[in-house]
Amino acid sequence: MQTKITEKITTHVTRLSTEQQKEILDYVEKFEPPRQTLWDAVRDIVANIPQDVLEKLPVDGAENHDHYLYGASEK
């Protein structure tokens, strides 16, 4: 889909004069690609963690977070 759109834009733009192409370039350079959401970033990070590392993580982290962070006795 993206390639078809890019091809259509390229076809149209190449038919225009240099001045018109410059106007289009000035216009599209104002756009920024969409930014990644926090959840997308977290998903990407977690997706790259090897399964054997994930299996070593404590399953009671919320209940015993003081133990894992500060060495307090476990509940």
C-alpha atoms as a PDB file:
ATOM      1  CA  MET A   1       0.000   0.000   0.000  1.00  0.00           C
ATOM      2  CA  GLN A   2       2.707   2.474   1.034  1.00  0.00           C
ATOM      3  CA  THR A   3       4.718   1.740  -2.105  1.00  0.00           C
ATOM      4  CA  LYS A   4       1.722   2.447  -4.358  1.00  0.00           C
ATOM      5  CA  ILE A   5       1.164   5.826  -2.692  1.00  0.00           C
ATOM      6  CA  THR A   6       4.844   6.696  -2.947  1.00  0.00           C
ATOM      7  CA  GLU A   7       4.893   5.693  -6.615  1.00  0.00           C
ATOM      8  CA  LYS A   8       1.825   7.835  -7.359  1.00  0.00           C
ATOM      9  CA  ILE A   9       3.315  10.847  -5.619  1.00  0.00           C
ATOM     10  CA  THR A  10       6.625  10.392  -7.418  1.00  0.00           C
ATOM     11  CA  THR A  11       4.897  10.091 -10.796  1.00  0.00           C
ATOM     12  CA  HIS A  12       2.942  13.286 -10.275  1.00  0.00           C
ATOM     13  CA  VAL A  13       5.811  15.292  -8.814  1.00  0.00           C
ATOM     14  CA  THR A  14       8.262  14.389 -11.569  1.00  0.00           C
ATOM     15  CA  ARG A  15       5.871  15.906 -14.125  1.00  0.00           C
ATOM     16  CA  LEU A  16       5.942  19.288 -12.384  1.00  0.00           C
ATOM     17  CA  SER A  17       8.320  22.166 -12.945  1.00  0.00           C
ATOM     18  CA  THR A  18      11.317  22.651 -10.666  1.00  0.00           C
ATOM     19  CA  GLU A  19       9.578  25.595  -9.004  1.00  0.00           C
ATOM     20  CA  GLN A  20       6.485  23.516  -8.281  1.00  0.00           C
ATOM     21  CA  GLN A  21       8.603  20.666  -6.947  1.00  0.00           C
ATOM     22  CA  LYS A  22      10.342  23.126  -4.625  1.00  0.00           C
ATOM     23  CA  GLU A  23       6.959  24.314  -3.323  1.00  0.00           C
ATOM     24  CA  ILE A  24       5.928  20.725  -2.632  1.00  0.00           C
ATOM     25  CA  LEU A  25       9.236  20.003  -0.908  1.00  0.00           C
ATOM     26  CA  ASP A  26       8.844  23.075   1.304  1.00  0.00           C
ATOM     27  CA  TYR A  27       5.328  21.905   2.192  1.00  0.00           C
ATOM     28  CA  VAL A  28       6.099  18.269   3.021  1.00  0.00           C
ATOM     29  CA  GLU A  29       9.203  19.089   5.050  1.00  0.00           C
ATOM     30  CA  LYS A  30       6.877  20.647   7.630  1.00  0.00           C
ATOM     31  CA  PHE A  31       5.446  17.209   8.422  1.00  0.00           C
ATOM     32  CA  GLU A  32       6.991  14.951  11.042  1.00  0.00           C
ATOM     33  CA  PRO A  33       6.517  11.206  11.174  1.00  0.00           C
ATOM     34  CA  PRO A  34       4.173  10.067  13.958  1.00  0.00           C
ATOM     35  CA  ARG A  35       5.869   9.645  17.290  1.00  0.00           C
ATOM     36  CA  GLN A  36       5.884   6.323  19.047  1.00  0.00           C
ATOM     37  CA  THR A  37       3.583   6.034  22.055  1.00  0.00           C
ATOM     38  CA  LEU A  38       4.934   4.971  25.435  1.00  0.00           C
ATOM     39  CA  TRP A  39       3.141   1.634  25.198  1.00  0.00           C
ATOM     40  CA  ASP A  40       4.598   1.013  21.734  1.00  0.00           C
ATOM     41  CA  ALA A  41       8.082   1.683  23.129  1.00  0.00           C
ATOM     42  CA  VAL A  42       7.497  -0.662  26.086  1.00  0.00           C
ATOM     43  CA  ARG A  43       6.132  -3.356  23.769  1.00  0.00           C
ATOM     44  CA  ASP A  44       9.212  -3.073  21.541  1.00  0.00           C
ATOM     45  CA  ILE A  45      11.573  -3.289  24.513  1.00  0.00           C
ATOM     46  CA  VAL A  46       9.794  -6.301  26.031  1.00  0.00           C
ATOM     47  CA  ALA A  47       9.652  -8.031  22.647  1.00  0.00           C
ATOM     48  CA  ASN A  48      13.459  -7.942  22.527  1.00  0.00           C
ATOM     49  CA  ILE A  49      13.966  -9.543  25.954  1.00  0.00           C
ATOM     50  CA  PRO A  50      14.968 -13.193  25.559  1.00  0.00           C
ATOM     51  CA  GLN A  51      12.443 -15.694  26.911  1.00  0.00           C
ATOM     52  CA  ASP A  52      14.949 -17.235  29.337  1.00  0.00           C
ATOM     53  CA  VAL A  53      15.487 -13.811  30.934  1.00  0.00           C
ATOM     54  CA  LEU A  54      11.730 -13.229  31.259  1.00  0.00           C
ATOM     55  CA  GLU A  55      11.370 -16.609  32.964  1.00  0.00           C
ATOM     56  CA  LYS A  56      13.877 -15.542  35.650  1.00  0.00           C
ATOM     57  CA  LEU A  57      11.874 -12.464  36.664  1.00  0.00           C
ATOM     58  CA  PRO A  58      10.025 -12.760  39.995  1.00  0.00           C
ATOM     59  CA  VAL A  59       6.302 -13.403  39.726  1.00  0.00           C
ATOM     60  CA  ASP A  60       5.609 -11.669  43.054  1.00  0.00           C
ATOM     61  CA  GLY A  61       7.369  -8.406  42.184  1.00  0.00           C
ATOM     62  CA  ALA A  62       4.443  -6.181  43.131  1.00  0.00           C
ATOM     63  CA  GLU A  63       3.878  -7.855  46.470  1.00  0.00           C
ATOM     64  CA  ASN A  64       7.572  -7.998  47.420  1.00  0.00           C
ATOM     65  CA  HIS A  65       8.948  -4.959  45.632  1.00  0.00           C
ATOM     66  CA  ASP A  66      10.601  -3.715  48.858  1.00  0.00           C
ATOM     67  CA  HIS A  67      12.463  -7.016  49.081  1.00  0.00           C
ATOM     68  CA  TYR A  68      13.702  -6.822  45.477  1.00  0.00           C
ATOM     69  CA  LEU A  69      14.590  -3.115  45.645  1.00  0.00           C
ATOM     70  CA  TYR A  70      15.856  -2.699  49.202  1.00  0.00           C
ATOM     71  CA  GLY A  71      16.463  -6.207  50.568  1.00  0.00           C
ATOM     72  CA  ALA A  72      13.574  -6.092  53.044  1.00  0.00           C
ATOM     73  CA  SER A  73      12.196  -9.439  54.228  1.00  0.00           C
ATOM     74  CA  GLU A  74       9.724 -11.127  51.915  1.00  0.00           C
ATOM     75  CA  LYS A  75       5.988 -11.208  52.680  1.00  0.00           C
END
